[in-house]
Amino acid sequence: MLGQSIKLARIDRKLTVEELAERAGMSRGLVQRIEKGDMGCAIGAVFEAAAIVGVRLFDADQTTIAAKVATNDQLLTLLPQSVRNPARRAKDDF
């Protein structure tokens, strides 16, 4: 979600990937990975890109925060309580 917000804000400000990378002091590839939501990106780089394009990381408006919390709560009730690895089947076809 944050990567998509950064990409939308960058496009809205009419910045190319190269321009954002230059302003943030990072490579073009890193900006592309941030926008795709790659979890391997350093959080500082993500925050820097967000700050440059004007994406707010924290909302001070209580109604916005409450709406996001309510939406997240609804989504979390739909998801399973825990994540389990699938059981391994023994290979029995000799």
Protein backbone atom coordinates (compact mmCIF):
# COMPACT_ATOMS: atom_id res chain seq x y z
CA MET A 1 0.00 0.00 0.00
CA LEU A 2 2.80 2.43 0.85
CA GLY A 3 4.64 1.64 -2.39
CA GLN A 4 1.50 2.26 -4.42
CA SER A 5 0.95 5.56 -2.59
CA ILE A 6 4.52 6.62 -3.35
CA LYS A 7 4.09 5.77 -7.04
CA LEU A 8 0.79 7.65 -7.29
CA ALA A 9 2.26 10.71 -5.57
CA ARG A 10 5.35 10.60 -7.81
CA ILE A 11 3.21 10.47 -10.94
CA ASP A 12 0.94 13.21 -9.59
CA ARG A 13 3.99 15.44 -9.07
CA LYS A 14 5.17 14.54 -12.59
CA LEU A 15 8.46 13.09 -11.37
CA THR A 16 10.22 10.32 -13.24
CA VAL A 17 11.70 7.37 -11.39
CA GLU A 18 15.14 8.75 -12.21
CA GLU A 19 14.31 12.18 -10.74
CA LEU A 20 12.97 10.67 -7.52
CA ALA A 21 16.02 8.43 -7.26
CA GLU A 22 18.35 11.39 -7.74
CA ARG A 23 16.55 13.51 -5.14
CA ALA A 24 16.50 10.65 -2.63
CA GLY A 25 20.12 9.68 -3.28
CA MET A 26 19.30 6.10 -4.25
CA SER A 27 19.33 3.98 -7.38
CA ARG A 28 16.52 3.82 -9.89
CA GLY A 29 16.15 0.11 -9.21
CA LEU A 30 15.61 0.73 -5.50
CA VAL A 31 12.84 3.23 -6.25
CA GLN A 32 11.20 0.69 -8.55
CA ARG A 33 11.41 -2.00 -5.85
CA ILE A 34 9.92 0.40 -3.29
CA GLU A 35 7.00 1.15 -5.62
CA LYS A 36 6.41 -2.56 -6.18
CA GLY A 37 6.29 -3.14 -2.42
CA ASP A 38 9.46 -5.20 -2.12
CA MET A 39 9.83 -6.09 1.56
CA GLY A 40 13.62 -6.25 1.25
CA CYS A 41 13.99 -2.47 0.92
CA ALA A 42 15.42 -0.56 3.85
CA ILE A 43 12.68 1.22 5.77
CA GLY A 44 14.73 4.42 5.80
CA ALA A 45 14.82 4.45 2.00
CA VAL A 46 11.05 3.92 1.85
CA PHE A 47 10.45 6.75 4.33
CA GLU A 48 12.81 9.04 2.38
CA ALA A 49 10.98 8.38 -0.90
CA ALA A 50 7.63 8.93 0.82
CA ALA A 51 8.79 12.23 2.32
CA ILE A 52 10.07 13.53 -1.02
CA VAL A 53 6.80 12.89 -2.86
CA GLY A 54 4.68 14.07 0.06
CA VAL A 55 3.11 10.81 1.24
CA ARG A 56 2.02 11.17 4.84
CA LEU A 57 3.21 8.35 7.02
CA PHE A 58 1.09 9.28 10.00
CA ASP A 59 -2.27 11.02 10.00
CA ALA A 60 -3.08 13.50 12.73
CA ASP A 61 -6.76 13.52 11.81
CA GLN A 62 -8.58 11.22 14.24
CA THR A 63 -11.45 10.47 11.86
CA THR A 64 -9.05 9.26 9.16
CA ILE A 65 -7.18 7.10 11.64
CA ALA A 66 -10.43 5.69 13.01
CA ALA A 67 -11.67 4.88 9.51
CA LYS A 68 -8.41 3.09 8.65
CA VAL A 69 -8.51 1.14 11.91
CA ALA A 70 -12.12 0.10 11.27
CA THR A 71 -11.28 -1.01 7.73
CA ASN A 72 -8.27 -2.98 8.94
CA ASP A 73 -10.35 -4.61 11.68
CA GLN A 74 -12.93 -5.71 9.12
CA LEU A 75 -10.23 -7.16 6.89
CA LEU A 76 -8.53 -8.93 9.78
CA THR A 77 -11.76 -10.67 10.77
CA LEU A 78 -11.87 -12.21 7.29
CA LEU A 79 -8.34 -13.57 7.49
CA PRO A 80 -7.38 -16.77 9.34
CA GLN A 81 -6.20 -16.38 12.93
CA SER A 82 -2.90 -18.11 12.22
CA VAL A 83 -0.84 -19.12 9.24
CA ARG A 84 0.06 -22.79 8.95
CA ASN A 85 2.41 -24.50 6.57
CA PRO A 86 0.72 -27.15 4.46
CA ALA A 87 1.20 -30.73 5.64
CA ARG A 88 3.84 -32.61 3.72
CA ARG A 89 2.70 -35.65 1.82
CA ALA A 90 4.98 -38.63 1.68
CA LYS A 91 6.04 -39.64 -1.79
CA ASP A 92 4.63 -43.11 -2.16
CA ASP A 93 4.80 -43.56 -5.92
CA PHE A 94 7.75 -45.87 -6.36
